[in-house]
Amino acid sequence: MKKRMIMLMGQNPYEKIRENCINPGHFREYTIQEIKEYCREVNLSIYDYEIVNYTPAMGVKGKIVRFLGRKYNNFNEMLSIIAQKTNVLF
C-alpha cells in the first residue's frame, strides 16, 4: 500500500529499467507522466490514453484500491495509450 501511495503522488517507487540487457533491473509499472516523457523523447504525440482497473476488487484491500482508483487515476492498474510518430514524411 505504501508504494501505491507514492504512485498516487505521481511518482514511481522503483528505479527505471536499465539499458543493460544482462541486468535490466525490475520491470515495473509507469506513471502517465513517465510515459508522456518517453513519448516526447522519441517524437511520439499522444492521441489518447486511458487508465482503468480490469481486475475485480477482491477483499478489503482490493475494494480500497478500487475506490481510490475512481478518485485518482494514478491508483489504477492498466494504462492504454495511443500515440503517433511526429514529423513523419510520407
PDB file of N, CA and C in Angstrom:
ATOM      1  N   MET A   1       0.825  -1.189   0.000  1.00  0.00           N
ATOM      2  CA  MET A   1       0.000   0.000   0.000  1.00  0.00           C
ATOM      3  C   MET A   1       0.873   1.258   0.000  1.00  0.00           C
ATOM      4  N   LYS A   2       2.041   1.190   0.658  1.00  0.00           N
ATOM      5  CA  LYS A   2       2.944   2.339   0.706  1.00  0.00           C
ATOM      6  C   LYS A   2       3.377   2.747  -0.705  1.00  0.00           C
ATOM      7  N   LYS A   3       3.714   1.749  -1.528  1.00  0.00           N
ATOM      8  CA  LYS A   3       4.158   2.043  -2.887  1.00  0.00           C
ATOM      9  C   LYS A   3       3.019   2.632  -3.718  1.00  0.00           C
ATOM     10  N   ARG A   4       1.800   2.169  -3.499  1.00  0.00           N
ATOM     11  CA  ARG A   4       0.657   2.751  -4.210  1.00  0.00           C
ATOM     12  C   ARG A   4       0.434   4.202  -3.792  1.00  0.00           C
ATOM     13  N   MET A   5       0.708   4.512  -2.534  1.00  0.00           N
ATOM     14  CA  MET A   5       0.572   5.893  -2.066  1.00  0.00           C
ATOM     15  C   MET A   5       1.589   6.794  -2.781  1.00  0.00           C
ATOM     16  N   ILE A   6       2.799   6.274  -2.993  1.00  0.00           N
ATOM     17  CA  ILE A   6       3.812   7.034  -3.727  1.00  0.00           C
ATOM     18  C   ILE A   6       3.350   7.232  -5.168  1.00  0.00           C
ATOM     19  N   MET A   7       2.768   6.172  -5.771  1.00  0.00           N
ATOM     20  CA  MET A   7       2.240   6.281  -7.134  1.00  0.00           C
ATOM     21  C   MET A   7       1.108   7.305  -7.188  1.00  0.00           C
ATOM     22  N   LEU A   8       0.299   7.367  -6.132  1.00  0.00           N
ATOM     23  CA  LEU A   8      -0.799   8.325  -6.059  1.00  0.00           C
ATOM     24  C   LEU A   8      -0.278   9.754  -6.184  1.00  0.00           C
ATOM     25  N   MET A   9       0.929   9.985  -5.687  1.00  0.00           N
ATOM     26  CA  MET A   9       1.550  11.309  -5.748  1.00  0.00           C
ATOM     27  C   MET A   9       2.155  11.574  -7.127  1.00  0.00           C
ATOM     28  N   GLY A  10       2.044  10.594  -8.063  1.00  0.00           N
ATOM     29  CA  GLY A  10       2.575  10.781  -9.410  1.00  0.00           C
ATOM     30  C   GLY A  10       4.042  10.418  -9.536  1.00  0.00           C
ATOM     31  N   GLN A  11       4.590   9.749  -8.520  1.00  0.00           N
ATOM     32  CA  GLN A  11       5.990   9.321  -8.543  1.00  0.00           C
ATOM     33  C   GLN A  11       6.033   7.816  -8.574  1.00  0.00           C
ATOM     34  N   ASN A  12       7.141   7.269  -9.027  1.00  0.00           N
ATOM     35  CA  ASN A  12       7.276   5.822  -9.068  1.00  0.00           C
ATOM     36  C   ASN A  12       8.274   5.381  -8.008  1.00  0.00           C
ATOM     37  N   PRO A  13       7.905   4.411  -7.170  1.00  0.00           N
ATOM     38  CA  PRO A  13       8.805   3.971  -6.099  1.00  0.00           C
ATOM     39  C   PRO A  13       9.958   3.088  -6.577  1.00  0.00           C
ATOM     40  N   TYR A  14       9.969   2.696  -7.843  1.00  0.00           N
ATOM     41  CA  TYR A  14      11.020   1.829  -8.383  1.00  0.00           C
ATOM     42  C   TYR A  14      11.906   2.602  -9.345  1.00  0.00           C
ATOM     43  N   GLU A  15      13.135   2.145  -9.495  1.00  0.00           N
ATOM     44  CA  GLU A  15      14.030   2.761 -10.472  1.00  0.00           C
ATOM     45  C   GLU A  15      13.571   2.424 -11.887  1.00  0.00           C
ATOM     46  N   LYS A  16      13.979   3.246 -12.846  1.00  0.00           N
ATOM     47  CA  LYS A  16      13.639   2.984 -14.247  1.00  0.00           C
ATOM     48  C   LYS A  16      14.404   1.757 -14.734  1.00  0.00           C
ATOM     49  N   ILE A  17      13.860   1.096 -15.750  1.00  0.00           N
ATOM     50  CA  ILE A  17      14.519  -0.067 -16.336  1.00  0.00           C
ATOM     51  C   ILE A  17      15.845   0.392 -16.930  1.00  0.00           C
ATOM     52  N   ARG A  18      16.892  -0.390 -16.641  1.00  0.00           N
ATOM     53  CA  ARG A  18      18.224  -0.050 -17.154  1.00  0.00           C
ATOM     54  C   ARG A  18      18.381  -0.525 -18.589  1.00  0.00           C
ATOM     55  N   GLU A  19      19.260   0.112 -19.323  1.00  0.00           N
ATOM     56  CA  GLU A  19      19.523  -0.280 -20.709  1.00  0.00           C
ATOM     57  C   GLU A  19      20.504  -1.441 -20.791  1.00  0.00           C
ATOM     58  N   ASN A  20      20.866  -2.015 -19.676  1.00  0.00           N
ATOM     59  CA  ASN A  20      21.774  -3.154 -19.605  1.00  0.00           C
ATOM     60  C   ASN A  20      20.964  -4.439 -19.784  1.00  0.00           C
ATOM     61  N   CYS A  21      21.145  -5.144 -20.900  1.00  0.00           N
ATOM     62  CA  CYS A  21      20.331  -6.343 -21.170  1.00  0.00           C
ATOM     63  C   CYS A  21      20.678  -7.500 -20.231  1.00  0.00           C
ATOM     64  N   ILE A  22      21.839  -7.481 -19.603  1.00  0.00           N
ATOM     65  CA  ILE A  22      22.212  -8.538 -18.661  1.00  0.00           C
ATOM     66  C   ILE A  22      21.530  -8.315 -17.317  1.00  0.00           C
ATOM     67  N   ASN A  23      21.418  -7.060 -16.896  1.00  0.00           N
ATOM     68  CA  ASN A  23      20.771  -6.731 -15.631  1.00  0.00           C
ATOM     69  C   ASN A  23      19.895  -5.492 -15.822  1.00  0.00           C
ATOM     70  N   PRO A  24      18.695  -5.685 -16.389  1.00  0.00           N
ATOM     71  CA  PRO A  24      17.834  -4.524 -16.662  1.00  0.00           C
ATOM     72  C   PRO A  24      17.159  -3.943 -15.422  1.00  0.00           C
ATOM     73  N   GLY A  25      17.252  -4.648 -14.301  1.00  0.00           N
ATOM     74  CA  GLY A  25      16.567  -4.183 -13.095  1.00  0.00           C
ATOM     75  C   GLY A  25      15.148  -4.715 -13.048  1.00  0.00           C
ATOM     76  N   HIS A  26      14.339  -4.100 -12.225  1.00  0.00           N
ATOM     77  CA  HIS A  26      12.963  -4.536 -12.000  1.00  0.00           C
ATOM     78  C   HIS A  26      12.050  -3.994 -13.104  1.00  0.00           C
ATOM     79  N   PHE A  27      11.341  -4.885 -13.804  1.00  0.00           N
ATOM     80  CA  PHE A  27      10.339  -4.438 -14.771  1.00  0.00           C
ATOM     81  C   PHE A  27       9.147  -3.949 -13.975  1.00  0.00           C
ATOM     82  N   ARG A  28       8.779  -2.720 -14.197  1.00  0.00           N
ATOM     83  CA  ARG A  28       7.809  -2.075 -13.321  1.00  0.00           C
ATOM     84  C   ARG A  28       6.735  -1.346 -14.100  1.00  0.00           C
ATOM     85  N   GLU A  29       5.792  -0.814 -13.373  1.00  0.00           N
ATOM     86  CA  GLU A  29       4.733  -0.016 -13.954  1.00  0.00           C
ATOM     87  C   GLU A  29       5.234   1.417 -14.131  1.00  0.00           C
ATOM     88  N   TYR A  30       4.569   2.153 -15.000  1.00  0.00           N
ATOM     89  CA  TYR A  30       4.933   3.542 -15.259  1.00  0.00           C
ATOM     90  C   TYR A  30       3.766   4.467 -14.981  1.00  0.00           C
ATOM     91  N   THR A  31       4.072   5.663 -14.514  1.00  0.00           N
ATOM     92  CA  THR A  31       3.038   6.683 -14.352  1.00  0.00           C
ATOM     93  C   THR A  31       2.769   7.299 -15.726  1.00  0.00           C
ATOM     94  N   ILE A  32       1.628   7.945 -15.863  1.00  0.00           N
ATOM     95  CA  ILE A  32       1.311   8.587 -17.140  1.00  0.00           C
ATOM     96  C   ILE A  32       2.322   9.692 -17.436  1.00  0.00           C
ATOM     97  N   GLN A  33       2.834  10.358 -16.397  1.00  0.00           N
ATOM     98  CA  GLN A  33       3.836  11.404 -16.611  1.00  0.00           C
ATOM     99  C   GLN A  33       5.108  10.815 -17.223  1.00  0.00           C
ATOM    100  N   GLU A  34       5.521   9.627 -16.758  1.00  0.00           N
ATOM    101  CA  GLU A  34       6.715   8.982 -17.309  1.00  0.00           C
ATOM    102  C   GLU A  34       6.493   8.571 -18.765  1.00  0.00           C
ATOM    103  N   ILE A  35       5.316   8.036 -19.059  1.00  0.00           N
ATOM    104  CA  ILE A  35       5.006   7.629 -20.429  1.00  0.00           C
ATOM    105  C   ILE A  35       5.006   8.848 -21.350  1.00  0.00           C
ATOM    106  N   LYS A  36       4.428   9.957 -20.906  1.00  0.00           N
ATOM    107  CA  LYS A  36       4.416  11.178 -21.711  1.00  0.00           C
ATOM    108  C   LYS A  36       5.851  11.651 -21.985  1.00  0.00           C
ATOM    109  N   GLU A  37       6.707  11.561 -20.973  1.00  0.00           N
ATOM    110  CA  GLU A  37       8.111  11.956 -21.141  1.00  0.00           C
ATOM    111  C   GLU A  37       8.812  11.059 -22.160  1.00  0.00           C
ATOM    112  N   TYR A  38       8.613   9.750 -22.049  1.00  0.00           N
ATOM    113  CA  TYR A  38       9.217   8.815 -23.007  1.00  0.00           C
ATOM    114  C   TYR A  38       8.720   9.095 -24.433  1.00  0.00           C
ATOM    115  N   CYS A  39       7.439   9.363 -24.571  1.00  0.00           N
ATOM    116  CA  CYS A  39       6.882   9.661 -25.897  1.00  0.00           C
ATOM    117  C   CYS A  39       7.527  10.911 -26.490  1.00  0.00           C
ATOM    118  N   ARG A  40       7.690  11.942 -25.681  1.00  0.00           N
ATOM    119  CA  ARG A  40       8.341  13.169 -26.169  1.00  0.00           C
ATOM    120  C   ARG A  40       9.774  12.883 -26.623  1.00  0.00           C
ATOM    121  N   GLU A  41      10.492  12.055 -25.854  1.00  0.00           N
ATOM    122  CA  GLU A  41      11.887  11.745 -26.175  1.00  0.00           C
ATOM    123  C   GLU A  41      12.044  11.044 -27.522  1.00  0.00           C
ATOM    124  N   VAL A  42      11.028  10.287 -27.949  1.00  0.00           N
ATOM    125  CA  VAL A  42      11.118   9.550 -29.221  1.00  0.00           C
ATOM    126  C   VAL A  42      10.166  10.120 -30.277  1.00  0.00           C
ATOM    127  N   ASN A  43       9.775  11.367 -30.076  1.00  0.00           N
ATOM    128  CA  ASN A  43       8.924  12.100 -31.031  1.00  0.00           C
ATOM    129  C   ASN A  43       7.583  11.426 -31.301  1.00  0.00           C
ATOM    130  N   LEU A  44       6.920  10.987 -30.251  1.00  0.00           N
ATOM    131  CA  LEU A  44       5.563  10.464 -30.371  1.00  0.00           C
ATOM    132  C   LEU A  44       4.593  11.482 -29.779  1.00  0.00           C
ATOM    133  N   SER A  45       3.515  11.736 -30.485  1.00  0.00           N
ATOM    134  CA  SER A  45       2.445  12.586 -29.969  1.00  0.00           C
ATOM    135  C   SER A  45       1.356  11.681 -29.413  1.00  0.00           C
ATOM    136  N   ILE A  46       0.927  11.960 -28.210  1.00  0.00           N
ATOM    137  CA  ILE A  46      -0.129  11.161 -27.593  1.00  0.00           C
ATOM    138  C   ILE A  46      -1.477  11.637 -28.130  1.00  0.00           C
ATOM    139  N   TYR A  47      -2.195  10.710 -28.746  1.00  0.00           N
ATOM    140  CA  TYR A  47      -3.518  10.997 -29.282  1.00  0.00           C
ATOM    141  C   TYR A  47      -4.572  10.824 -28.188  1.00  0.00           C
ATOM    142  N   ASP A  48      -4.446   9.751 -27.419  1.00  0.00           N
ATOM    143  CA  ASP A  48      -5.413   9.462 -26.361  1.00  0.00           C
ATOM    144  C   ASP A  48      -4.801   8.472 -25.384  1.00  0.00           C
ATOM    145  N   TYR A  49      -5.294   8.462 -24.151  1.00  0.00           N
ATOM    146  CA  TYR A  49      -4.899   7.440 -23.193  1.00  0.00           C
ATOM    147  C   TYR A  49      -6.035   7.182 -22.215  1.00  0.00           C
ATOM    148  N   GLU A  50      -5.978   6.026 -21.592  1.00  0.00           N
ATOM    149  CA  GLU A  50      -6.998   5.625 -20.631  1.00  0.00           C
ATOM    150  C   GLU A  50      -6.314   4.860 -19.504  1.00  0.00           C
ATOM    151  N   ILE A  51      -6.706   5.156 -18.284  1.00  0.00           N
ATOM    152  CA  ILE A  51      -6.157   4.463 -17.117  1.00  0.00           C
ATOM    153  C   ILE A  51      -7.342   3.844 -16.375  1.00  0.00           C
ATOM    154  N   VAL A  52      -7.370   2.518 -16.285  1.00  0.00           N
ATOM    155  CA  VAL A  52      -8.518   1.814 -15.693  1.00  0.00           C
ATOM    156  C   VAL A  52      -8.076   0.602 -14.884  1.00  0.00           C
ATOM    157  N   ASN A  53      -9.027   0.023 -14.165  1.00  0.00           N
ATOM    158  CA  ASN A  53      -8.854  -1.260 -13.484  1.00  0.00           C
ATOM    159  C   ASN A  53      -9.721  -2.288 -14.185  1.00  0.00           C
ATOM    160  N   TYR A  54      -9.130  -3.418 -14.549  1.00  0.00           N
ATOM    161  CA  TYR A  54      -9.892  -4.511 -15.137  1.00  0.00           C
ATOM    162  C   TYR A  54     -10.078  -5.668 -14.166  1.00  0.00           C
ATOM    163  N   THR A  55      -9.224  -5.743 -13.158  1.00  0.00           N
ATOM    164  CA  THR A  55      -9.269  -6.844 -12.200  1.00  0.00           C
ATOM    165  C   THR A  55     -10.382  -6.607 -11.184  1.00  0.00           C
ATOM    166  N   PRO A  56     -11.168  -7.635 -10.859  1.00  0.00           N
ATOM    167  CA  PRO A  56     -12.212  -7.472  -9.842  1.00  0.00           C
ATOM    168  C   PRO A  56     -11.618  -7.120  -8.485  1.00  0.00           C
ATOM    169  N   ALA A  57     -12.287  -6.254  -7.743  1.00  0.00           N
ATOM    170  CA  ALA A  57     -11.831  -5.873  -6.402  1.00  0.00           C
ATOM    171  C   ALA A  57     -12.110  -7.019  -5.437  1.00  0.00           C
ATOM    172  N   MET A  58     -11.043  -7.643  -4.941  1.00  0.00           N
ATOM    173  CA  MET A  58     -11.175  -8.767  -4.013  1.00  0.00           C
ATOM    174  C   MET A  58     -10.701  -8.342  -2.626  1.00  0.00           C
ATOM    175  N   GLY A  59     -11.476  -8.627  -1.618  1.00  0.00           N
ATOM    176  CA  GLY A  59     -11.096  -8.327  -0.246  1.00  0.00           C
ATOM    177  C   GLY A  59     -11.130  -6.838   0.061  1.00  0.00           C
ATOM    178  N   VAL A  60     -10.792  -6.516   1.295  1.00  0.00           N
ATOM    179  CA  VAL A  60     -10.831  -5.129   1.759  1.00  0.00           C
ATOM    180  C   VAL A  60      -9.801  -4.287   1.006  1.00  0.00           C
ATOM    181  N   LYS A  61      -8.567  -4.803   0.864  1.00  0.00           N
ATOM    182  CA  LYS A  61      -7.517  -4.054   0.172  1.00  0.00           C
ATOM    183  C   LYS A  61      -7.935  -3.762  -1.273  1.00  0.00           C
ATOM    184  N   GLY A  62      -8.479  -4.754  -1.953  1.00  0.00           N
ATOM    185  CA  GLY A  62      -8.923  -4.560  -3.331  1.00  0.00           C
ATOM    186  C   GLY A  62     -10.016  -3.515  -3.445  1.00  0.00           C
ATOM    187  N   LYS A  63     -10.938  -3.519  -2.498  1.00  0.00           N
ATOM    188  CA  LYS A  63     -12.027  -2.535  -2.505  1.00  0.00           C
ATOM    189  C   LYS A  63     -11.504  -1.121  -2.246  1.00  0.00           C
ATOM    190  N   ILE A  64     -10.504  -1.007  -1.360  1.00  0.00           N
ATOM    191  CA  ILE A  64      -9.897   0.303  -1.093  1.00  0.00           C
ATOM    192  C   ILE A  64      -9.189   0.808  -2.344  1.00  0.00           C
ATOM    193  N   VAL A  65      -8.411  -0.070  -2.989  1.00  0.00           N
ATOM    194  CA  VAL A  65      -7.690   0.307  -4.209  1.00  0.00           C
ATOM    195  C   VAL A  65      -8.676   0.713  -5.297  1.00  0.00           C
ATOM    196  N   ARG A  66      -9.756  -0.030  -5.459  1.00  0.00           N
ATOM    197  CA  ARG A  66     -10.769   0.297  -6.468  1.00  0.00           C
ATOM    198  C   ARG A  66     -11.411   1.657  -6.175  1.00  0.00           C
ATOM    199  N   PHE A  67     -11.737   1.915  -4.898  1.00  0.00           N
ATOM    200  CA  PHE A  67     -12.317   3.194  -4.509  1.00  0.00           C
ATOM    201  C   PHE A  67     -11.366   4.346  -4.834  1.00  0.00           C
ATOM    202  N   LEU A  68     -10.093   4.187  -4.463  1.00  0.00           N
ATOM    203  CA  LEU A  68      -9.098   5.227  -4.736  1.00  0.00           C
ATOM    204  C   LEU A  68      -8.882   5.401  -6.241  1.00  0.00           C
ATOM    205  N   GLY A  69      -8.966   4.288  -6.996  1.00  0.00           N
ATOM    206  CA  GLY A  69      -8.812   4.357  -8.442  1.00  0.00           C
ATOM    207  C   GLY A  69      -9.892   5.184  -9.105  1.00  0.00           C
ATOM    208  N   ARG A  70     -11.075   5.193  -8.530  1.00  0.00           N
ATOM    209  CA  ARG A  70     -12.156   6.023  -9.085  1.00  0.00           C
ATOM    210  C   ARG A  70     -11.877   7.505  -8.867  1.00  0.00           C
ATOM    211  N   LYS A  71     -11.169   7.817  -7.770  1.00  0.00           N
ATOM    212  CA  LYS A  71     -10.876   9.211  -7.437  1.00  0.00           C
ATOM    213  C   LYS A  71      -9.560   9.706  -8.036  1.00  0.00           C
ATOM    214  N   TYR A  72      -8.572   8.804  -8.114  1.00  0.00           N
ATOM    215  CA  TYR A  72      -7.228   9.191  -8.547  1.00  0.00           C
ATOM    216  C   TYR A  72      -6.728   8.208  -9.603  1.00  0.00           C
ATOM    217  N   ASN A  73      -6.488   8.693 -10.825  1.00  0.00           N
ATOM    218  CA  ASN A  73      -6.032   7.814 -11.911  1.00  0.00           C
ATOM    219  C   ASN A  73      -4.745   7.079 -11.597  1.00  0.00           C
ATOM    220  N   ASN A  74      -3.828   7.677 -10.837  1.00  0.00           N
ATOM    221  CA  ASN A  74      -2.550   7.037 -10.543  1.00  0.00           C
ATOM    222  C   ASN A  74      -2.721   5.754  -9.738  1.00  0.00           C
ATOM    223  N   PHE A  75      -3.898   5.510  -9.196  1.00  0.00           N
ATOM    224  CA  PHE A  75      -4.137   4.303  -8.405  1.00  0.00           C
ATOM    225  C   PHE A  75      -4.631   3.144  -9.258  1.00  0.00           C
ATOM    226  N   ASN A  76      -4.944   3.373 -10.506  1.00  0.00           N
ATOM    227  CA  ASN A  76      -5.443   2.316 -11.372  1.00  0.00           C
ATOM    228  C   ASN A  76      -4.303   1.480 -11.924  1.00  0.00           C
ATOM    229  N   GLU A  77      -4.624   0.283 -12.415  1.00  0.00           N
ATOM    230  CA  GLU A  77      -3.584  -0.690 -12.750  1.00  0.00           C
ATOM    231  C   GLU A  77      -3.264  -0.828 -14.233  1.00  0.00           C
ATOM    232  N   MET A  78      -4.095  -0.319 -15.120  1.00  0.00           N
ATOM    233  CA  MET A  78      -3.879  -0.546 -16.547  1.00  0.00           C
ATOM    234  C   MET A  78      -3.835   0.787 -17.289  1.00  0.00           C
ATOM    235  N   LEU A  79      -2.766   0.974 -18.052  1.00  0.00           N
ATOM    236  CA  LEU A  79      -2.603   2.172 -18.860  1.00  0.00           C
ATOM    237  C   LEU A  79      -2.585   1.768 -20.318  1.00  0.00           C
ATOM    238  N   SER A  80      -3.511   2.313 -21.085  1.00  0.00           N
ATOM    239  CA  SER A  80      -3.541   2.106 -22.537  1.00  0.00           C
ATOM    240  C   SER A  80      -3.291   3.454 -23.184  1.00  0.00           C
ATOM    241  N   ILE A  81      -2.444   3.452 -24.212  1.00  0.00           N
ATOM    242  CA  ILE A  81      -2.077   4.714 -24.836  1.00  0.00           C
ATOM    243  C   ILE A  81      -2.081   4.569 -26.353  1.00  0.00           C
ATOM    244  N   ILE A  82      -2.533   5.615 -27.024  1.00  0.00           N
ATOM    245  CA  ILE A  82      -2.480   5.680 -28.481  1.00  0.00           C
ATOM    246  C   ILE A  82      -1.576   6.866 -28.813  1.00  0.00           C
ATOM    247  N   ALA A  83      -0.487   6.579 -29.530  1.00  0.00           N
ATOM    248  CA  ALA A  83       0.471   7.630 -29.875  1.00  0.00           C
ATOM    249  C   ALA A  83       0.825   7.530 -31.353  1.00  0.00           C
ATOM    250  N   GLN A  84       1.283   8.643 -31.893  1.00  0.00           N
ATOM    251  CA  GLN A  84       1.636   8.699 -33.304  1.00  0.00           C
ATOM    252  C   GLN A  84       2.991   9.382 -33.436  1.00  0.00           C
ATOM    253  N   LYS A  85       3.809   8.863 -34.329  1.00  0.00           N
ATOM    254  CA  LYS A  85       5.118   9.452 -34.609  1.00  0.00           C
ATOM    255  C   LYS A  85       4.921  10.835 -35.200  1.00  0.00           C
ATOM    256  N   THR A  86       5.621  11.821 -34.679  1.00  0.00           N
ATOM    257  CA  THR A  86       5.529  13.180 -35.196  1.00  0.00           C
ATOM    258  C   THR A  86       6.619  13.421 -36.235  1.00  0.00           C
ATOM    259  N   ASN A  87       6.418  14.407 -37.054  1.00  0.00           N
ATOM    260  CA  ASN A  87       7.380  14.788 -38.087  1.00  0.00           C
ATOM    261  C   ASN A  87       7.718  13.627 -39.021  1.00  0.00           C
ATOM    262  N   VAL A  88       6.704  12.886 -39.432  1.00  0.00           N
ATOM    263  CA  VAL A  88       6.892  11.774 -40.351  1.00  0.00           C
ATOM    264  C   VAL A  88       6.679  12.270 -41.772  1.00  0.00           C
ATOM    265  N   LEU A  89       7.631  11.977 -42.657  1.00  0.00           N
ATOM    266  CA  LEU A  89       7.494  12.363 -44.055  1.00  0.00           C
ATOM    267  C   LEU A  89       6.951  11.186 -44.851  1.00  0.00           C
ATOM    268  N   PHE A  90       5.904  11.404 -45.612  1.00  0.00           N
ATOM    269  CA  PHE A  90       5.306  10.336 -46.419  1.00  0.00           C
ATOM    270  C   PHE A  90       5.732  10.474 -47.851  1.00  0.00           C
TER     271      PHE A  90
END
